[in-house]
């Protein structure tokens, strides 16, 4: 069973999960090269973009799938570490660290109220505090994909980041995936001049 697509309470983990506790190369992915989501300081208007980017980031790391994070954020009860299997506890600790590094100000204060290293509960509380209605969040996320700036770094790195955002959007909006023509148009608009033809 693929740990990234399994339910939170049944993930057994892999040998690589147990050996690698180094976030610098989690699951064979160089996190420093991949980058991380822009910091979120608690501005409600910016949460949809942060939410979208965090889900894409966690999926790229194969830390938690978008569905697993949705399961956590929609939980009506607090998520306790003692209720989780050991590989998920380890992943929750990594998520907690990522959130601690990506949050500032009022948003950072929200996760300080959670059980130490409980990234899933921190994510749940963050989404409860700042989450917008799903339709509004989807529109904001779609805007991120369509208005993506391919010029603010190496084109191939930015292209990879954009592809992850597209994948995350389509996974969250299975009935309203971005059409191939729209993706091609967005890609052609953002591509360097020699690649546009």
C-alpha atoms as a PDB file:
ATOM      1  CA  UNK A   1       0.000   0.000   0.000  1.00  0.00           C
ATOM      2  CA  UNK A   2       1.300   3.454  -0.908  1.00  0.00           C
ATOM      3  CA  UNK A   3       1.743   5.401   2.382  1.00  0.00           C
ATOM      4  CA  UNK A   4       0.946   8.691   0.655  1.00  0.00           C
ATOM      5  CA  UNK A   5      -2.503   7.506  -0.396  1.00  0.00           C
ATOM      6  CA  UNK A   6      -3.457   5.433   2.636  1.00  0.00           C
ATOM      7  CA  UNK A   7      -5.764   6.488   5.433  1.00  0.00           C
ATOM      8  CA  UNK A   8      -4.131   8.067   8.483  1.00  0.00           C
ATOM      9  CA  UNK A   9      -4.938   5.186  10.805  1.00  0.00           C
ATOM     10  CA  UNK A  10      -3.584   2.374   8.627  1.00  0.00           C
ATOM     11  CA  UNK A  11      -0.272   3.665   7.312  1.00  0.00           C
ATOM     12  CA  UNK A  12       2.457   1.158   8.138  1.00  0.00           C
ATOM     13  CA  UNK A  13       5.370   3.145   6.742  1.00  0.00           C
ATOM     14  CA  UNK A  14       8.335   1.944   4.699  1.00  0.00           C
ATOM     15  CA  UNK A  15      11.922   1.025   5.457  1.00  0.00           C
ATOM     16  CA  UNK A  16      12.976   4.391   4.023  1.00  0.00           C
ATOM     17  CA  UNK A  17      10.564   6.143   6.403  1.00  0.00           C
ATOM     18  CA  UNK A  18      12.149   4.442   9.386  1.00  0.00           C
ATOM     19  CA  UNK A  19      15.740   5.095   8.288  1.00  0.00           C
ATOM     20  CA  UNK A  20      15.412   8.704   7.170  1.00  0.00           C
ATOM     21  CA  UNK A  21      14.731  11.322   9.799  1.00  0.00           C
ATOM     22  CA  UNK A  22      16.703  13.963   7.928  1.00  0.00           C
ATOM     23  CA  UNK A  23      14.353  16.575   6.482  1.00  0.00           C
ATOM     24  CA  UNK A  24      17.164  17.690   4.136  1.00  0.00           C
ATOM     25  CA  UNK A  25      16.546  14.588   2.029  1.00  0.00           C
ATOM     26  CA  UNK A  26      13.123  13.266   2.974  1.00  0.00           C
ATOM     27  CA  UNK A  27      11.956  10.323   0.851  1.00  0.00           C
ATOM     28  CA  UNK A  28      14.909  10.971  -1.475  1.00  0.00           C
ATOM     29  CA  UNK A  29      13.746  14.531  -2.256  1.00  0.00           C
ATOM     30  CA  UNK A  30      16.153  17.418  -1.684  1.00  0.00           C
ATOM     31  CA  UNK A  31      13.967  19.790   0.344  1.00  0.00           C
ATOM     32  CA  UNK A  32      16.480  22.619   0.157  1.00  0.00           C
ATOM     33  CA  UNK A  33      16.315  22.529  -3.643  1.00  0.00           C
ATOM     34  CA  UNK A  34      12.530  22.122  -3.675  1.00  0.00           C
ATOM     35  CA  UNK A  35      12.059  25.118  -1.380  1.00  0.00           C
ATOM     36  CA  UNK A  36       9.128  25.564   0.956  1.00  0.00           C
ATOM     37  CA  UNK A  37       5.872  27.521   0.992  1.00  0.00           C
ATOM     38  CA  UNK A  38       6.047  31.253   1.628  1.00  0.00           C
ATOM     39  CA  UNK A  39       5.493  32.151   5.307  1.00  0.00           C
ATOM     40  CA  UNK A  40       1.933  32.708   6.466  1.00  0.00           C
ATOM     41  CA  UNK A  41       1.430  35.355   9.144  1.00  0.00           C
ATOM     42  CA  UNK A  42      -2.294  35.081   9.778  1.00  0.00           C
ATOM     43  CA  UNK A  43      -3.753  37.235   6.981  1.00  0.00           C
ATOM     44  CA  UNK A  44      -7.076  35.551   6.173  1.00  0.00           C
ATOM     45  CA  UNK A  45      -6.836  36.625   2.518  1.00  0.00           C
ATOM     46  CA  UNK A  46      -3.535  34.783   2.096  1.00  0.00           C
ATOM     47  CA  UNK A  47      -4.581  31.518   3.703  1.00  0.00           C
ATOM     48  CA  UNK A  48      -6.030  29.884   0.577  1.00  0.00           C
ATOM     49  CA  UNK A  49      -2.692  30.218  -1.209  1.00  0.00           C
ATOM     50  CA  UNK A  50      -0.745  28.982   1.834  1.00  0.00           C
ATOM     51  CA  UNK A  51      -3.195  26.079   2.237  1.00  0.00           C
ATOM     52  CA  UNK A  52      -2.820  25.091  -1.397  1.00  0.00           C
ATOM     53  CA  UNK A  53       0.979  25.374  -1.340  1.00  0.00           C
ATOM     54  CA  UNK A  54       1.300  23.384   1.900  1.00  0.00           C
ATOM     55  CA  UNK A  55      -0.810  20.563   0.512  1.00  0.00           C
ATOM     56  CA  UNK A  56       1.298  20.488  -2.654  1.00  0.00           C
ATOM     57  CA  UNK A  57       4.512  20.630  -0.613  1.00  0.00           C
ATOM     58  CA  UNK A  58       3.466  17.749   1.665  1.00  0.00           C
ATOM     59  CA  UNK A  59       2.373  15.687  -1.357  1.00  0.00           C
ATOM     60  CA  UNK A  60       5.707  16.353  -3.109  1.00  0.00           C
ATOM     61  CA  UNK A  61       7.550  15.122  -0.018  1.00  0.00           C
ATOM     62  CA  UNK A  62       5.190  12.137   0.174  1.00  0.00           C
ATOM     63  CA  UNK A  63       4.691  13.191   3.778  1.00  0.00           C
ATOM     64  CA  UNK A  64       0.875  13.315   3.682  1.00  0.00           C
ATOM     65  CA  UNK A  65      -1.389  13.205   0.659  1.00  0.00           C
ATOM     66  CA  UNK A  66      -3.936  15.922   0.049  1.00  0.00           C
ATOM     67  CA  UNK A  67      -6.650  13.468   1.078  1.00  0.00           C
ATOM     68  CA  UNK A  68      -4.905  12.686   4.380  1.00  0.00           C
ATOM     69  CA  UNK A  69      -4.559  16.377   5.219  1.00  0.00           C
ATOM     70  CA  UNK A  70      -8.224  16.889   4.322  1.00  0.00           C
ATOM     71  CA  UNK A  71      -9.138  13.998   6.618  1.00  0.00           C
ATOM     72  CA  UNK A  72      -7.186  15.645   9.439  1.00  0.00           C
ATOM     73  CA  UNK A  73      -8.615  19.133   8.899  1.00  0.00           C
ATOM     74  CA  UNK A  74     -12.187  17.813   8.743  1.00  0.00           C
ATOM     75  CA  UNK A  75     -11.893  15.826  11.961  1.00  0.00           C
ATOM     76  CA  UNK A  76     -14.534  16.995  14.432  1.00  0.00           C
ATOM     77  CA  UNK A  77     -12.388  15.868  17.350  1.00  0.00           C
ATOM     78  CA  UNK A  78      -8.829  16.736  18.338  1.00  0.00           C
ATOM     79  CA  UNK A  79      -6.194  14.416  16.868  1.00  0.00           C
ATOM     80  CA  UNK A  80      -4.033  12.853  19.576  1.00  0.00           C
ATOM     81  CA  UNK A  81      -0.615  11.346  18.857  1.00  0.00           C
ATOM     82  CA  UNK A  82      -1.396   8.319  21.036  1.00  0.00           C
ATOM     83  CA  UNK A  83      -4.188   7.409  18.590  1.00  0.00           C
ATOM     84  CA  UNK A  84      -1.812   7.215  15.603  1.00  0.00           C
ATOM     85  CA  UNK A  85       0.470   4.424  14.416  1.00  0.00           C
ATOM     86  CA  UNK A  86       4.239   5.103  14.827  1.00  0.00           C
ATOM     87  CA  UNK A  87       5.028   5.994  11.174  1.00  0.00           C
ATOM     88  CA  UNK A  88       2.224   8.585  11.218  1.00  0.00           C
ATOM     89  CA  UNK A  89       3.504   9.974  14.544  1.00  0.00           C
ATOM     90  CA  UNK A  90       6.896  10.479  12.879  1.00  0.00           C
ATOM     91  CA  UNK A  91       5.320  12.175   9.856  1.00  0.00           C
ATOM     92  CA  UNK A  92       3.196  14.354  12.139  1.00  0.00           C
ATOM     93  CA  UNK A  93       6.377  15.538  13.874  1.00  0.00           C
ATOM     94  CA  UNK A  94       7.899  16.512  10.510  1.00  0.00           C
ATOM     95  CA  UNK A  95       4.703  18.340   9.543  1.00  0.00           C
ATOM     96  CA  UNK A  96       4.800  20.166  12.886  1.00  0.00           C
ATOM     97  CA  UNK A  97       8.376  21.281  12.164  1.00  0.00           C
ATOM     98  CA  UNK A  98       7.456  22.461   8.651  1.00  0.00           C
ATOM     99  CA  UNK A  99       4.493  24.439   9.991  1.00  0.00           C
ATOM    100  CA  UNK A 100       6.625  25.950  12.752  1.00  0.00           C
ATOM    101  CA  UNK A 101       9.104  27.158  10.117  1.00  0.00           C
ATOM    102  CA  UNK A 102       6.407  28.454   7.713  1.00  0.00           C
ATOM    103  CA  UNK A 103       4.145  30.267  10.183  1.00  0.00           C
ATOM    104  CA  UNK A 104       4.667  33.619  11.860  1.00  0.00           C
ATOM    105  CA  UNK A 105       2.780  35.926  14.173  1.00  0.00           C
ATOM    106  CA  UNK A 106      -0.819  35.022  15.000  1.00  0.00           C
ATOM    107  CA  UNK A 107      -0.720  31.895  12.822  1.00  0.00           C
ATOM    108  CA  UNK A 108       2.340  30.624  14.688  1.00  0.00           C
ATOM    109  CA  UNK A 109       0.542  31.247  17.994  1.00  0.00           C
ATOM    110  CA  UNK A 110      -2.286  28.927  16.857  1.00  0.00           C
ATOM    111  CA  UNK A 111       0.000  25.898  16.570  1.00  0.00           C
ATOM    112  CA  UNK A 112       1.741  26.674  19.863  1.00  0.00           C
ATOM    113  CA  UNK A 113      -1.450  25.566  21.609  1.00  0.00           C
ATOM    114  CA  UNK A 114      -1.188  22.010  20.247  1.00  0.00           C
ATOM    115  CA  UNK A 115       0.469  18.892  21.600  1.00  0.00           C
ATOM    116  CA  UNK A 116       4.220  19.121  20.867  1.00  0.00           C
ATOM    117  CA  UNK A 117       5.132  17.561  17.500  1.00  0.00           C
ATOM    118  CA  UNK A 118       1.488  16.963  16.573  1.00  0.00           C
ATOM    119  CA  UNK A 119       1.505  18.420  13.070  1.00  0.00           C
ATOM    120  CA  UNK A 120      -1.851  16.901  12.170  1.00  0.00           C
ATOM    121  CA  UNK A 121      -3.628  18.616  15.062  1.00  0.00           C
ATOM    122  CA  UNK A 122      -1.725  21.834  14.319  1.00  0.00           C
ATOM    123  CA  UNK A 123      -2.933  21.613  10.696  1.00  0.00           C
ATOM    124  CA  UNK A 124      -6.512  20.940  11.861  1.00  0.00           C
ATOM    125  CA  UNK A 125      -6.500  23.969  14.171  1.00  0.00           C
ATOM    126  CA  UNK A 126      -4.907  26.189  11.537  1.00  0.00           C
ATOM    127  CA  UNK A 127      -7.563  25.219   8.984  1.00  0.00           C
ATOM    128  CA  UNK A 128     -10.355  25.757  11.509  1.00  0.00           C
ATOM    129  CA  UNK A 129      -8.998  29.197  12.376  1.00  0.00           C
ATOM    130  CA  UNK A 130      -8.188  30.520   8.903  1.00  0.00           C
ATOM    131  CA  UNK A 131      -9.900  28.205   6.408  1.00  0.00           C
ATOM    132  CA  UNK A 132     -12.270  29.701   3.909  1.00  0.00           C
ATOM    133  CA  UNK A 133     -15.183  27.980   2.352  1.00  0.00           C
ATOM    134  CA  UNK A 134     -14.087  25.287  -0.066  1.00  0.00           C
ATOM    135  CA  UNK A 135     -15.353  27.000  -3.232  1.00  0.00           C
ATOM    136  CA  UNK A 136     -13.562  30.235  -2.409  1.00  0.00           C
ATOM    137  CA  UNK A 137     -10.351  28.366  -1.567  1.00  0.00           C
ATOM    138  CA  UNK A 138     -10.548  26.447  -4.849  1.00  0.00           C
ATOM    139  CA  UNK A 139     -10.901  29.655  -6.839  1.00  0.00           C
ATOM    140  CA  UNK A 140      -7.907  31.173  -5.061  1.00  0.00           C
ATOM    141  CA  UNK A 141      -5.858  28.054  -5.731  1.00  0.00           C
ATOM    142  CA  UNK A 142      -6.883  28.064  -9.386  1.00  0.00           C
ATOM    143  CA  UNK A 143      -5.740  31.679  -9.598  1.00  0.00           C
ATOM    144  CA  UNK A 144      -2.310  30.646  -8.245  1.00  0.00           C
ATOM    145  CA  UNK A 145      -1.975  28.060 -11.032  1.00  0.00           C
ATOM    146  CA  UNK A 146      -3.189  30.329 -13.839  1.00  0.00           C
ATOM    147  CA  UNK A 147      -1.177  33.397 -12.725  1.00  0.00           C
ATOM    148  CA  UNK A 148       1.968  31.438 -11.873  1.00  0.00           C
ATOM    149  CA  UNK A 149       5.203  33.393 -12.317  1.00  0.00           C
ATOM    150  CA  UNK A 150       7.649  31.203 -14.236  1.00  0.00           C
ATOM    151  CA  UNK A 151      10.295  33.955 -14.359  1.00  0.00           C
ATOM    152  CA  UNK A 152      11.227  34.265 -10.672  1.00  0.00           C
ATOM    153  CA  UNK A 153      13.928  31.591 -10.788  1.00  0.00           C
ATOM    154  CA  UNK A 154      15.258  28.762 -12.893  1.00  0.00           C
ATOM    155  CA  UNK A 155      12.588  27.910 -15.457  1.00  0.00           C
ATOM    156  CA  UNK A 156      12.790  24.126 -15.004  1.00  0.00           C
ATOM    157  CA  UNK A 157      12.556  24.441 -11.197  1.00  0.00           C
ATOM    158  CA  UNK A 158       9.566  26.764 -11.530  1.00  0.00           C
ATOM    159  CA  UNK A 159       7.970  24.412 -14.078  1.00  0.00           C
ATOM    160  CA  UNK A 160       8.278  21.523 -11.611  1.00  0.00           C
ATOM    161  CA  UNK A 161       6.709  23.637  -8.859  1.00  0.00           C
ATOM    162  CA  UNK A 162       3.843  24.626 -11.193  1.00  0.00           C
ATOM    163  CA  UNK A 163       3.238  20.993 -12.170  1.00  0.00           C
ATOM    164  CA  UNK A 164       2.951  20.075  -8.473  1.00  0.00           C
ATOM    165  CA  UNK A 165       0.428  22.889  -7.950  1.00  0.00           C
ATOM    166  CA  UNK A 166      -1.608  21.690 -10.945  1.00  0.00           C
ATOM    167  CA  UNK A 167      -1.553  18.119  -9.633  1.00  0.00           C
ATOM    168  CA  UNK A 168      -2.642  19.229  -6.155  1.00  0.00           C
ATOM    169  CA  UNK A 169      -5.470  21.363  -7.574  1.00  0.00           C
ATOM    170  CA  UNK A 170      -6.736  18.548  -9.794  1.00  0.00           C
ATOM    171  CA  UNK A 171      -6.606  16.045  -6.912  1.00  0.00           C
ATOM    172  CA  UNK A 172      -8.739  18.378  -4.782  1.00  0.00           C
ATOM    173  CA  UNK A 173     -11.134  19.199  -7.620  1.00  0.00           C
ATOM    174  CA  UNK A 174     -11.638  15.895  -9.427  1.00  0.00           C
ATOM    175  CA  UNK A 175     -14.922  17.060 -10.953  1.00  0.00           C
ATOM    176  CA  UNK A 176     -13.460  20.360 -12.133  1.00  0.00           C
ATOM    177  CA  UNK A 177      -9.920  19.594 -13.291  1.00  0.00           C
ATOM    178  CA  UNK A 178      -8.067  22.264 -15.244  1.00  0.00           C
ATOM    179  CA  UNK A 179      -8.405  21.500 -18.949  1.00  0.00           C
ATOM    180  CA  UNK A 180      -5.362  20.625 -21.004  1.00  0.00           C
ATOM    181  CA  UNK A 181      -5.913  23.640 -23.290  1.00  0.00           C
ATOM    182  CA  UNK A 182      -5.925  26.026 -20.324  1.00  0.00           C
ATOM    183  CA  UNK A 183      -2.743  24.410 -18.988  1.00  0.00           C
ATOM    184  CA  UNK A 184      -1.036  24.677 -22.386  1.00  0.00           C
ATOM    185  CA  UNK A 185      -2.016  28.344 -22.701  1.00  0.00           C
ATOM    186  CA  UNK A 186      -0.716  29.114 -19.207  1.00  0.00           C
ATOM    187  CA  UNK A 187       2.501  27.250 -19.918  1.00  0.00           C
ATOM    188  CA  UNK A 188       3.081  28.984 -23.266  1.00  0.00           C
ATOM    189  CA  UNK A 189       2.438  32.401 -21.711  1.00  0.00           C
ATOM    190  CA  UNK A 190       5.001  31.755 -18.976  1.00  0.00           C
ATOM    191  CA  UNK A 191       7.654  29.963 -21.035  1.00  0.00           C
ATOM    192  CA  UNK A 192      10.880  31.726 -22.093  1.00  0.00           C
ATOM    193  CA  UNK A 193      10.702  33.139 -25.635  1.00  0.00           C
ATOM    194  CA  UNK A 194      12.642  30.323 -27.388  1.00  0.00           C
ATOM    195  CA  UNK A 195      10.255  27.685 -25.954  1.00  0.00           C
ATOM    196  CA  UNK A 196       6.974  29.372 -26.883  1.00  0.00           C
ATOM    197  CA  UNK A 197       6.750  27.959 -30.394  1.00  0.00           C
END
